[in-house]
Amino acid sequence: MIILGVTHPISWNNGACILVDGKLIAMVEEERLNRFKHAIEVPAERAIEFCLNRAGVTLDDVDYFAIGWESMKGHKKKEQHIWDNKLKQLPFRHEDDRIRFVRHHIAHALSAYYVSGFEHSNILSFDGSGGDESGLLMVGEKSDCRIVKTIPNKSSWGHLYGLMTKALGFRYHSEEGKVMGLAAYGQPIENEFKFIDWDNEIPIMDKKGLKKYFSGLVQRKKGEELNQHHKDLAATVQHALERAAIQMSSYLHNITGSKNLCMAGGCALNCSMNGVLLRSDHVDNIFIQPAAHDASTALGAALSVYKDVVGHRPDIVLKHPYYGPDYTNEEVELELKKYKLKNFKRCNDIARETAALIADNKTVGWFQGRMEFGPRALGGRSILGNPKNKDMKDIVNKSIKGREPWRPFAPSFLAEDYVDYVKQPYNSPFMIIAFQAIEEKVSEIASAAHVDNTVRVQSVRKEVAPRYWELINEFKKITEVPALLNTSFNVAGQPIVCTPRDAIMTFFGCGLDYLAIEDYLVWK
């Protein structure tokens, strides 16, 4: 049975995936292929084409098209007309009887729970908006899930965070990560959000009060220096999000007694919140969908349809996100010669040579194997540096990424060693949980730790990412530090690189020292 999972073109971060007989074969975001950041309201045509090609099938071979959005039948005619027109942009007939619609937040929730490996779990999905709600509180038992609470759009935590993002002079629905990073420099303002009623089973916002608050808030102008008040506002909205997540997950725990938690939806990309949840007394085990934004609805929809048809969830445990395109050495060499590059060589041991360069404080674009899905580069398409060098954060932010100097980076650790660097360690393959670093160890990863001594760890296992593990291990042999500074292989405003051409263009368009692309090492 072949199921093609697709985001609805009404979404941001559109993408596609394909399941063949219950196995995930491919998954990719449209932005990586069309090079438009977030692929806003763009049909996932290239993503669909890639998934079909990777599975060796055509649209005619597909048994079900699973769309991560509810059907608009029965809604107002104007709304239905807009949705139908968007749906017509997909490369199959929108009247096709193979189409199955899956409610947006159910698709989000199942994209985490069904691949978590948990037999039972509390489930929290929340974002800006997904149709008629901004989130769901659910409970999963084996293959069955039930909705416990709905988060209404008027109480959207993603919308609140986005409004503060905009008020602080950043891009709404795009640069919320900047607010998360900035929050560490401030202190929450007590009782600032009077429009939030915390005295309910789950917190509720007053829509008029929220509107009044932001209409009276002076918006930071573009280029205006960030002052302490701005930092305190960032800390305030971050604290509110964490408090809401704690209250909602605690509510589920009180119902079920379970200390397992699965999360998806755009808010689940907030690493600081995730760390707070993991350290709470009602969460022992946590699974967060690495593509928690709308791309995950393609996967969740496909998983939902599989369960509906077969009768049980598929036997998938998501241990890595490497389901995108990959390229051979021959394809890489052809591209290097196409641009008439002279400064490159093929290496017998690319991991060892690259590790030596990073230990010598060189920055490297690392392009290896299948591309990862989700907004965090995890060693497939990464920019790497020496975490021990305290100046490396500034070098990468200024000369390569074009980012604000206060924005943090994250460390990729050998899975067997990260436990020596963080308090309350927990397996973290997706770089989506912020841990408290052990103070005495911070100097060893100075450029990959935040100002509050938190670190967004990626734990790298040899059996999952062998070449990336070898690279970090070789770096450890030289420096005795089992970690690398890791950030996504892109510059500000661009999607993460996908193809050899993308990598070459980005490499020569920024201050990177070297490019390690499959077995080839390129320099300027």
Protein backbone atom coordinates (compact mmCIF):
# COMPACT_ATOMS: atom_id res chain seq x y z
CA MET A 1 0.00 0.00 0.00
CA ILE A 2 1.36 3.41 -1.04
CA ILE A 3 0.31 6.55 0.80
CA LEU A 4 1.45 9.99 -0.29
CA GLY A 5 1.27 12.51 2.56
CA VAL A 6 0.95 16.17 1.58
CA THR A 7 0.51 19.48 3.37
CA HIS A 8 -2.44 21.56 2.25
CA PRO A 9 -1.22 24.42 0.01
CA ILE A 10 -2.88 26.88 2.41
CA SER A 11 0.02 26.22 4.81
CA TRP A 12 3.52 27.52 5.44
CA ASN A 13 6.45 25.09 5.43
CA ASN A 14 4.78 22.87 2.88
CA GLY A 15 6.16 19.42 2.13
CA ALA A 16 5.44 15.79 1.32
CA CYS A 17 6.29 12.27 2.40
CA ILE A 18 5.60 8.75 1.16
CA LEU A 19 4.82 5.53 3.01
CA VAL A 20 5.19 2.18 1.27
CA ASP A 21 3.68 -0.75 3.18
CA GLY A 22 3.97 1.17 6.42
CA LYS A 23 7.61 2.22 5.94
CA LEU A 24 8.69 5.85 5.59
CA ILE A 25 10.65 6.07 2.34
CA ALA A 26 11.08 9.81 1.80
CA MET A 27 10.14 13.19 3.28
CA VAL A 28 11.18 16.68 2.23
CA GLU A 29 10.06 20.29 2.53
CA GLU A 30 9.20 22.20 -0.61
CA GLU A 31 11.40 25.18 0.33
CA ARG A 32 14.54 23.05 0.00
CA LEU A 33 13.69 22.33 -3.62
CA ASN A 34 12.11 25.57 -4.84
CA ARG A 35 14.45 27.78 -2.70
CA PHE A 36 11.65 29.99 -1.36
CA LYS A 37 11.86 30.27 2.44
CA HIS A 38 8.93 28.51 4.14
CA ALA A 39 7.27 27.82 0.74
CA ILE A 40 4.37 29.99 1.88
CA GLU A 41 1.07 28.80 0.39
CA VAL A 42 3.00 27.02 -2.35
CA PRO A 43 1.88 23.52 -3.37
CA ALA A 44 4.47 20.86 -2.59
CA GLU A 45 4.92 19.87 -6.25
CA ARG A 46 8.68 19.32 -6.21
CA ALA A 47 8.47 17.55 -2.85
CA ILE A 48 5.81 15.21 -4.26
CA GLU A 49 7.93 14.53 -7.34
CA PHE A 50 10.97 13.69 -5.19
CA CYS A 51 8.99 11.33 -2.94
CA LEU A 52 7.47 9.49 -5.90
CA ASN A 53 10.86 9.14 -7.60
CA ARG A 54 12.51 7.92 -4.41
CA ALA A 55 9.84 5.25 -3.99
CA GLY A 56 10.01 4.35 -7.69
CA VAL A 57 6.31 4.96 -8.27
CA THR A 58 3.98 7.32 -10.11
CA LEU A 59 0.84 9.16 -9.04
CA ASP A 60 -1.18 6.36 -10.63
CA ASP A 61 0.44 3.85 -8.25
CA VAL A 62 -0.57 5.77 -5.13
CA ASP A 63 -3.42 4.20 -3.16
CA TYR A 64 -4.20 7.23 -0.99
CA PHE A 65 -3.41 10.93 -0.98
CA ALA A 66 -3.39 12.04 2.66
CA ILE A 67 -3.75 15.79 3.20
CA GLY A 68 -2.97 17.32 6.58
CA TRP A 69 -6.00 19.58 6.72
CA GLU A 70 -9.69 18.97 7.28
CA SER A 71 -12.10 18.93 4.36
CA MET A 72 -13.82 22.27 3.85
CA LYS A 73 -17.14 20.71 2.86
CA GLY A 74 -19.91 22.28 4.89
CA HIS A 75 -17.99 25.50 5.54
CA LYS A 76 -18.99 28.89 4.19
CA LYS A 77 -18.99 29.02 0.38
CA LYS A 78 -16.34 31.75 0.28
CA GLU A 79 -13.98 29.76 2.51
CA GLN A 80 -14.62 26.54 0.62
CA HIS A 81 -13.92 28.31 -2.70
CA ILE A 82 -10.53 29.57 -1.42
CA TRP A 83 -9.57 26.13 -0.09
CA ASP A 84 -10.68 24.35 -3.25
CA ASN A 85 -8.68 26.71 -5.46
CA LYS A 86 -5.58 26.07 -3.37
CA LEU A 87 -6.17 22.33 -3.51
CA LYS A 88 -6.39 22.45 -7.30
CA GLN A 89 -2.73 23.50 -7.38
CA LEU A 90 -1.69 19.99 -6.30
CA PRO A 91 -0.66 17.63 -9.13
CA PHE A 92 -3.67 15.36 -8.74
CA ARG A 93 -7.38 15.95 -9.24
CA HIS A 94 -8.90 17.53 -6.15
CA GLU A 95 -12.02 15.39 -6.71
CA ASP A 96 -9.92 12.18 -6.71
CA ASP A 97 -11.62 9.55 -4.56
CA ARG A 98 -8.21 8.49 -3.23
CA ILE A 99 -7.93 11.76 -1.27
CA ARG A 100 -8.26 11.54 2.51
CA PHE A 101 -8.38 14.71 4.62
CA VAL A 102 -7.02 14.65 8.16
CA ARG A 103 -7.77 17.40 10.66
CA HIS A 104 -4.73 19.69 10.93
CA HIS A 105 -3.92 19.24 14.61
CA ILE A 106 -4.71 15.53 14.59
CA ALA A 107 -2.16 15.22 11.78
CA HIS A 108 0.31 17.21 13.90
CA ALA A 109 -0.34 15.05 16.96
CA LEU A 110 -0.06 11.71 15.14
CA SER A 111 3.15 12.83 13.41
CA ALA A 112 4.72 12.75 16.87
CA TYR A 113 2.86 10.01 18.76
CA TYR A 114 2.75 7.34 16.05
CA VAL A 115 6.53 7.48 15.50
CA SER A 116 7.56 8.03 19.13
CA GLY A 117 7.87 4.38 20.08
CA PHE A 118 5.57 5.04 23.09
CA GLU A 119 2.74 2.58 23.69
CA HIS A 120 0.83 5.31 25.51
CA SER A 121 1.37 9.03 25.87
CA ASN A 122 -0.09 12.42 26.58
CA ILE A 123 -0.06 14.49 23.38
CA LEU A 124 0.10 18.25 22.96
CA SER A 125 -0.17 19.97 19.57
CA PHE A 126 -0.27 23.76 19.40
CA ASP A 127 0.69 26.48 16.93
CA GLY A 128 -0.65 29.75 15.52
CA SER A 129 -3.79 28.34 13.94
CA GLY A 130 -4.93 25.21 12.19
CA GLY A 131 -8.42 25.65 10.86
CA ASP A 132 -10.97 25.86 13.66
CA GLU A 133 -8.48 25.58 16.54
CA SER A 134 -4.93 26.44 17.51
CA GLY A 135 -4.21 23.17 19.25
CA LEU A 136 -5.35 19.92 20.82
CA LEU A 137 -4.69 18.10 24.07
CA MET A 138 -4.92 14.37 23.37
CA VAL A 139 -4.25 10.99 24.92
CA GLY A 140 -2.77 8.09 22.95
CA GLU A 141 -3.20 4.42 23.86
CA LYS A 142 -1.49 2.05 21.41
CA SER A 143 -3.14 2.86 18.06
CA ASP A 144 -6.04 4.85 19.47
CA CYS A 145 -6.15 8.53 20.33
CA ARG A 146 -8.82 10.69 21.89
CA ILE A 147 -9.19 14.45 22.17
CA VAL A 148 -9.36 15.75 25.73
CA LYS A 149 -9.34 19.51 25.16
CA THR A 150 -9.33 21.91 22.21
CA ILE A 151 -7.28 25.11 22.31
CA PRO A 152 -9.43 27.77 20.63
CA ASN A 153 -7.96 30.24 18.15
CA LYS A 154 -8.62 33.11 20.56
CA SER A 155 -6.14 31.44 22.96
CA SER A 156 -3.47 30.73 20.37
CA TRP A 157 -0.04 30.51 21.97
CA GLY A 158 1.64 30.57 18.59
CA HIS A 159 -0.24 33.75 17.69
CA LEU A 160 0.69 35.40 20.99
CA TYR A 161 4.35 34.53 20.48
CA GLY A 162 4.17 35.74 16.89
CA LEU A 163 2.64 39.08 17.89
CA MET A 164 5.47 39.64 20.35
CA THR A 165 7.94 38.62 17.64
CA LYS A 166 6.50 41.33 15.41
CA ALA A 167 6.43 43.91 18.24
CA LEU A 168 10.12 43.28 18.85
CA GLY A 169 10.88 44.11 15.22
CA PHE A 170 11.26 40.58 13.85
CA ARG A 171 9.25 38.74 11.19
CA TYR A 172 5.94 37.23 12.36
CA HIS A 173 5.65 33.49 11.71
CA SER A 174 9.32 33.30 10.77
CA GLU A 175 11.70 34.72 13.37
CA GLU A 176 10.17 33.49 16.61
CA GLY A 177 13.46 31.70 17.28
CA LYS A 178 15.10 35.10 17.71
CA VAL A 179 12.69 35.88 20.55
CA MET A 180 13.52 32.56 22.20
CA GLY A 181 17.23 33.40 22.03
CA LEU A 182 16.72 36.98 23.21
CA ALA A 183 14.66 35.87 26.21
CA ALA A 184 17.78 34.60 28.00
CA TYR A 185 19.02 38.19 28.26
CA GLY A 186 15.91 39.44 30.07
CA GLN A 187 13.66 38.89 33.07
CA PRO A 188 9.91 38.21 32.86
CA ILE A 189 7.77 41.24 33.71
CA GLU A 190 5.40 40.22 36.49
CA ASN A 191 1.69 40.26 35.64
CA GLU A 192 2.37 41.83 32.22
CA PHE A 193 -0.20 39.76 30.32
CA LYS A 194 -3.40 40.57 32.19
CA PHE A 195 -5.42 39.15 29.28
CA ILE A 196 -4.43 35.58 30.24
CA ASP A 197 -6.68 33.79 32.73
CA TRP A 198 -4.58 31.10 34.37
CA ASP A 199 -7.35 29.92 36.72
CA ASN A 200 -8.85 27.34 34.37
CA GLU A 201 -8.07 23.71 33.57
CA ILE A 202 -6.02 25.11 30.70
CA PRO A 203 -5.17 28.83 30.39
CA ILE A 204 -7.52 31.02 28.34
CA MET A 205 -6.89 34.41 26.74
CA ASP A 206 -9.28 37.31 26.47
CA LYS A 207 -9.28 38.25 22.78
CA LYS A 208 -10.17 41.91 23.34
CA GLY A 209 -7.59 42.23 26.10
CA LEU A 210 -4.88 40.73 23.88
CA LYS A 211 -5.75 43.13 21.05
CA LYS A 212 -5.76 46.10 23.42
CA TYR A 213 -2.39 45.11 24.88
CA PHE A 214 -0.59 44.90 21.54
CA SER A 215 -2.28 48.03 20.16
CA GLY A 216 -0.77 49.92 23.09
CA LEU A 217 2.69 48.34 22.85
CA VAL A 218 5.31 50.50 21.15
CA GLN A 219 6.77 48.43 18.32
CA ARG A 220 10.54 48.35 17.94
CA LYS A 221 11.58 49.90 14.65
CA LYS A 222 13.81 48.10 12.17
CA GLY A 223 17.44 48.77 13.05
CA GLU A 224 16.58 50.18 16.47
CA GLU A 225 18.94 48.98 19.18
CA LEU A 226 17.58 46.28 21.46
CA ASN A 227 17.19 47.69 24.96
CA GLN A 228 16.57 45.93 28.26
CA HIS A 229 12.82 46.39 27.99
CA HIS A 230 12.82 44.54 24.67
CA LYS A 231 14.78 41.71 26.27
CA ASP A 232 12.37 41.62 29.22
CA LEU A 233 9.39 41.43 26.86
CA ALA A 234 11.01 38.46 25.11
CA ALA A 235 11.54 36.81 28.49
CA THR A 236 7.92 37.54 29.42
CA VAL A 237 6.37 35.87 26.37
CA GLN A 238 8.80 32.94 26.70
CA HIS A 239 7.85 32.47 30.34
CA ALA A 240 4.13 32.63 29.45
CA LEU A 241 4.57 29.93 26.78
CA GLU A 242 6.47 27.69 29.20
CA ARG A 243 3.88 28.20 31.93
CA ALA A 244 1.05 27.37 29.50
CA ALA A 245 2.80 24.21 28.30
CA ILE A 246 3.44 23.11 31.88
CA GLN A 247 -0.21 23.69 32.83
CA MET A 248 -1.60 21.87 29.78
CA SER A 249 0.75 18.88 30.02
CA SER A 250 0.15 18.67 33.79
CA TYR A 251 -3.59 18.63 33.14
CA LEU A 252 -3.14 15.61 30.85
CA HIS A 253 -0.89 13.90 33.40
CA ASN A 254 -3.53 14.34 36.12
CA ILE A 255 -6.05 12.58 33.87
CA THR A 256 -3.88 9.69 32.68
CA GLY A 257 -1.09 9.35 35.23
CA SER A 258 1.28 8.94 32.29
CA LYS A 259 4.65 10.70 32.31
CA ASN A 260 5.14 10.28 28.55
CA LEU A 261 4.64 13.39 26.43
CA CYS A 262 4.56 13.80 22.64
CA MET A 263 4.49 17.23 21.01
CA ALA A 264 4.09 18.80 17.58
CA GLY A 265 2.88 22.06 16.06
CA GLY A 266 5.02 25.14 15.56
CA CYS A 267 5.26 25.90 19.29
CA ALA A 268 7.00 22.55 19.83
CA LEU A 269 10.06 23.96 18.05
CA ASN A 270 10.72 26.09 21.14
CA CYS A 271 13.74 24.31 22.62
CA SER A 272 13.73 26.29 25.86
CA MET A 273 10.13 25.34 26.57
CA ASN A 274 10.88 21.71 25.77
CA GLY A 275 13.73 21.69 28.26
CA VAL A 276 11.49 23.11 30.96
CA LEU A 277 8.90 20.41 30.25
CA LEU A 278 11.47 17.62 30.42
CA ARG A 279 12.69 18.91 33.78
CA SER A 280 9.16 19.05 35.20
CA ASP A 281 7.96 16.46 37.70
CA HIS A 282 5.19 15.14 35.42
CA VAL A 283 7.35 14.32 32.35
CA ASP A 284 9.83 11.43 32.31
CA ASN A 285 9.89 10.67 28.58
CA ILE A 286 9.40 13.17 25.76
CA PHE A 287 9.22 12.93 21.98
CA ILE A 288 9.05 16.06 19.84
CA GLN A 289 8.50 15.89 16.11
CA PRO A 290 11.69 17.36 14.52
CA ALA A 291 9.61 18.95 11.74
CA ALA A 292 7.05 20.19 14.25
CA HIS A 293 5.86 22.98 11.94
CA ASP A 294 3.30 22.34 9.20
CA ALA A 295 5.52 19.95 7.23
CA SER A 296 4.74 17.38 9.90
CA THR A 297 1.07 17.35 8.90
CA ALA A 298 2.04 15.54 5.68
CA LEU A 299 3.54 12.73 7.75
CA GLY A 300 0.77 12.75 10.34
CA ALA A 301 -1.90 12.57 7.65
CA ALA A 302 -0.18 9.60 5.98
CA LEU A 303 0.17 7.80 9.32
CA SER A 304 -3.49 8.48 10.14
CA VAL A 305 -4.70 7.05 6.83
CA TYR A 306 -2.49 3.98 7.28
CA LYS A 307 -4.05 3.32 10.69
CA ASP A 308 -7.58 3.83 9.33
CA VAL A 309 -7.01 1.35 6.49
CA VAL A 310 -4.94 -1.31 8.26
CA GLY A 311 -6.41 -0.98 11.74
CA HIS A 312 -3.23 -0.20 13.65
CA ARG A 313 -0.43 2.37 13.60
CA PRO A 314 2.61 1.55 11.43
CA ASP A 315 5.71 0.05 13.02
CA ILE A 316 7.87 3.17 12.76
CA VAL A 317 10.16 4.69 15.38
CA LEU A 318 11.67 7.93 14.09
CA LYS A 319 15.35 7.80 15.07
CA HIS A 320 16.61 10.27 12.49
CA PRO A 321 15.32 12.79 9.92
CA TYR A 322 17.53 11.82 6.95
CA TYR A 323 14.82 11.15 4.37
CA GLY A 324 15.66 13.80 1.75
CA PRO A 325 17.77 13.83 -1.43
CA ASP A 326 21.36 12.57 -1.57
CA TYR A 327 24.06 12.76 -4.24
CA THR A 328 26.92 10.55 -5.42
CA ASN A 329 30.58 11.54 -5.63
CA GLU A 330 30.24 11.48 -9.40
CA GLU A 331 27.38 13.98 -9.28
CA VAL A 332 29.37 16.20 -6.91
CA GLU A 333 32.49 16.13 -9.10
CA LEU A 334 30.43 16.96 -12.19
CA GLU A 335 29.02 20.02 -10.42
CA LEU A 336 32.45 21.17 -9.21
CA LYS A 337 33.84 20.92 -12.74
CA LYS A 338 30.78 22.61 -14.18
CA TYR A 339 31.75 25.76 -12.27
CA LYS A 340 35.39 25.33 -13.35
CA LEU A 341 36.59 25.16 -9.75
CA LYS A 342 40.30 24.41 -9.29
CA ASN A 343 40.66 24.26 -5.52
CA PHE A 344 39.24 20.86 -4.59
CA LYS A 345 40.42 17.33 -4.00
CA ARG A 346 38.93 13.91 -3.29
CA CYS A 347 39.83 12.65 0.19
CA ASN A 348 40.45 9.12 1.38
CA ASP A 349 39.09 10.07 4.83
CA ILE A 350 36.95 13.20 4.66
CA ALA A 351 36.01 12.95 8.34
CA ARG A 352 39.62 12.96 9.55
CA GLU A 353 40.74 15.80 7.26
CA THR A 354 37.71 17.92 8.14
CA ALA A 355 38.16 17.33 11.88
CA ALA A 356 41.75 18.61 11.65
CA LEU A 357 40.57 21.77 9.89
CA ILE A 358 37.88 22.46 12.47
CA ALA A 359 40.38 21.86 15.28
CA ASP A 360 42.52 24.52 13.54
CA ASN A 361 39.56 26.93 13.88
CA LYS A 362 38.49 26.70 10.25
CA THR A 363 34.78 26.82 9.45
CA VAL A 364 33.35 24.07 7.24
CA GLY A 365 30.18 23.56 5.25
CA TRP A 366 29.36 19.86 5.78
CA PHE A 367 27.26 18.22 3.05
CA GLN A 368 26.84 14.47 3.46
CA GLY A 369 24.27 11.80 2.61
CA ARG A 370 20.53 12.31 2.64
CA MET A 371 19.25 15.73 3.62
CA GLU A 372 17.43 16.02 6.94
CA PHE A 373 13.85 17.31 7.21
CA GLY A 374 12.83 19.97 9.71
CA PRO A 375 14.31 23.40 10.45
CA ARG A 376 17.38 22.11 12.32
CA ALA A 377 20.43 20.86 10.39
CA LEU A 378 21.63 17.64 12.01
CA GLY A 379 24.83 16.75 10.20
CA GLY A 380 23.43 16.28 6.71
CA ARG A 381 23.59 19.94 5.66
CA SER A 382 25.47 21.75 8.46
CA ILE A 383 27.95 24.55 9.07
CA LEU A 384 30.49 23.40 11.64
CA GLY A 385 33.04 25.09 13.87
CA ASN A 386 35.23 24.60 16.92
CA PRO A 387 33.00 24.93 20.01
CA LYS A 388 36.00 25.43 22.29
CA ASN A 389 36.94 28.67 20.56
CA LYS A 390 34.97 31.36 22.39
CA ASP A 391 35.19 33.66 19.34
CA MET A 392 33.67 31.10 16.96
CA LYS A 393 30.08 32.20 17.66
CA ASP A 394 30.89 35.74 16.57
CA ILE A 395 32.82 34.53 13.53
CA VAL A 396 29.97 32.35 12.29
CA ASN A 397 27.24 34.90 13.09
CA LYS A 398 29.02 37.82 11.42
CA SER A 399 31.07 36.35 8.59
CA ILE A 400 28.93 33.40 7.52
CA LYS A 401 25.32 33.47 8.67
CA GLY A 402 24.72 37.22 8.71
CA ARG A 403 22.90 36.99 12.05
CA GLU A 404 22.65 39.13 15.17
CA PRO A 405 25.68 38.67 17.47
CA TRP A 406 23.59 37.58 20.46
CA ARG A 407 22.05 34.58 18.72
CA PRO A 408 23.30 31.21 20.01
CA PHE A 409 24.46 28.04 18.30
CA ALA A 410 24.15 24.43 19.36
CA PRO A 411 26.52 21.49 19.91
CA SER A 412 26.42 18.12 18.17
CA PHE A 413 27.79 15.59 20.69
CA LEU A 414 28.82 11.99 20.49
CA ALA A 415 25.84 10.24 22.06
CA GLU A 416 28.09 8.38 24.48
CA ASP A 417 29.70 11.58 25.81
CA TYR A 418 27.10 14.34 26.10
CA VAL A 419 25.98 13.04 29.50
CA ASP A 420 29.20 14.47 30.94
CA TYR A 421 28.28 17.99 29.81
CA VAL A 422 24.63 18.51 30.77
CA LYS A 423 22.46 18.14 33.82
CA GLN A 424 19.60 15.61 33.67
CA PRO A 425 20.66 14.22 30.27
CA TYR A 426 18.10 12.68 27.92
CA ASN A 427 18.51 11.26 24.42
CA SER A 428 18.21 14.22 22.06
CA PRO A 429 18.82 13.27 18.41
CA PHE A 430 16.89 16.24 16.98
CA MET A 431 18.53 19.24 18.70
CA ILE A 432 15.13 20.32 19.98
CA ILE A 433 15.62 20.32 23.77
CA ALA A 434 17.60 22.91 25.76
CA PHE A 435 19.57 21.41 28.66
CA GLN A 436 21.35 23.11 31.52
CA ALA A 437 25.10 22.71 31.01
CA ILE A 438 27.39 21.61 33.81
CA GLU A 439 29.14 24.86 34.73
CA GLU A 440 32.67 23.43 34.79
CA LYS A 441 32.20 22.09 31.25
CA VAL A 442 30.94 25.27 29.59
CA SER A 443 34.45 26.45 28.66
CA GLU A 444 34.91 23.35 26.49
CA ILE A 445 31.85 24.27 24.39
CA ALA A 446 31.94 28.03 24.94
CA SER A 447 30.70 29.04 21.47
CA ALA A 448 27.91 26.43 21.45
CA ALA A 449 26.40 27.38 24.83
CA HIS A 450 23.94 30.23 25.38
CA VAL A 451 24.40 33.14 27.77
CA ASP A 452 22.26 31.34 30.39
CA ASN A 453 24.42 28.19 30.11
CA THR A 454 21.75 26.26 28.22
CA VAL A 455 22.73 24.01 25.32
CA ARG A 456 20.52 22.59 22.55
CA VAL A 457 22.15 19.20 22.32
CA GLN A 458 22.12 16.89 19.33
CA SER A 459 23.20 13.42 20.45
CA VAL A 460 24.80 11.65 17.48
CA ARG A 461 24.80 7.84 17.33
CA LYS A 462 27.25 5.90 15.19
CA GLU A 463 24.60 3.51 13.89
CA VAL A 464 22.35 6.41 12.82
CA ALA A 465 24.81 8.92 11.30
CA PRO A 466 28.12 7.05 10.91
CA ARG A 467 30.08 9.66 8.95
CA TYR A 468 28.99 12.54 11.18
CA TRP A 469 29.82 10.45 14.25
CA GLU A 470 33.27 9.71 12.79
CA LEU A 471 33.87 13.41 12.23
CA ILE A 472 33.06 14.31 15.83
CA ASN A 473 35.08 11.37 17.09
CA GLU A 474 38.12 12.46 15.06
CA PHE A 475 37.72 15.97 16.45
CA LYS A 476 37.61 14.48 19.96
CA LYS A 477 40.90 12.66 19.32
CA ILE A 478 42.57 15.96 18.49
CA THR A 479 40.96 18.27 21.08
CA GLU A 480 39.48 15.92 23.73
CA VAL A 481 36.13 17.67 23.14
CA PRO A 482 33.41 15.27 21.86
CA ALA A 483 31.31 17.97 20.21
CA LEU A 484 31.14 20.41 17.31
CA LEU A 485 29.41 23.75 16.94
CA ASN A 486 26.60 23.03 14.49
CA THR A 487 24.24 25.35 12.65
CA SER A 488 22.22 25.00 9.47
CA PHE A 489 24.01 25.26 6.12
CA ASN A 490 22.40 28.46 4.88
CA VAL A 491 22.67 32.21 5.25
CA ALA A 492 20.03 34.51 6.70
CA GLY A 493 16.76 34.43 4.78
CA GLN A 494 17.58 31.35 2.69
CA PRO A 495 16.46 27.72 3.08
CA ILE A 496 19.00 25.10 4.11
CA VAL A 497 21.00 23.91 1.09
CA CYS A 498 19.78 20.78 -0.65
CA THR A 499 21.81 20.14 -3.82
CA PRO A 500 25.55 20.33 -4.57
CA ARG A 501 24.81 23.50 -6.55
CA ASP A 502 23.12 25.08 -3.50
CA ALA A 503 26.12 24.15 -1.36
CA ILE A 504 28.66 25.58 -3.82
CA MET A 505 26.72 28.82 -4.31
CA THR A 506 26.28 29.33 -0.55
CA PHE A 507 29.92 28.43 0.14
CA PHE A 508 31.23 31.07 -2.25
CA GLY A 509 28.63 33.61 -1.10
CA CYS A 510 29.69 33.68 2.57
CA GLY A 511 32.76 33.54 4.76
CA LEU A 512 33.10 29.78 5.07
CA ASP A 513 36.67 28.48 4.86
CA TYR A 514 36.03 24.98 3.47
CA LEU A 515 33.30 22.84 1.96
CA ALA A 516 33.29 19.10 2.73
CA ILE A 517 30.87 17.69 0.18
CA GLU A 518 30.69 13.90 0.17
CA ASP A 519 34.35 12.81 -0.31
CA TYR A 520 35.44 16.14 -1.78
CA LEU A 521 37.11 19.01 0.06
CA VAL A 522 36.77 22.44 -1.53
CA TRP A 523 38.53 25.67 -0.54
CA LYS A 524 38.80 29.24 -1.81
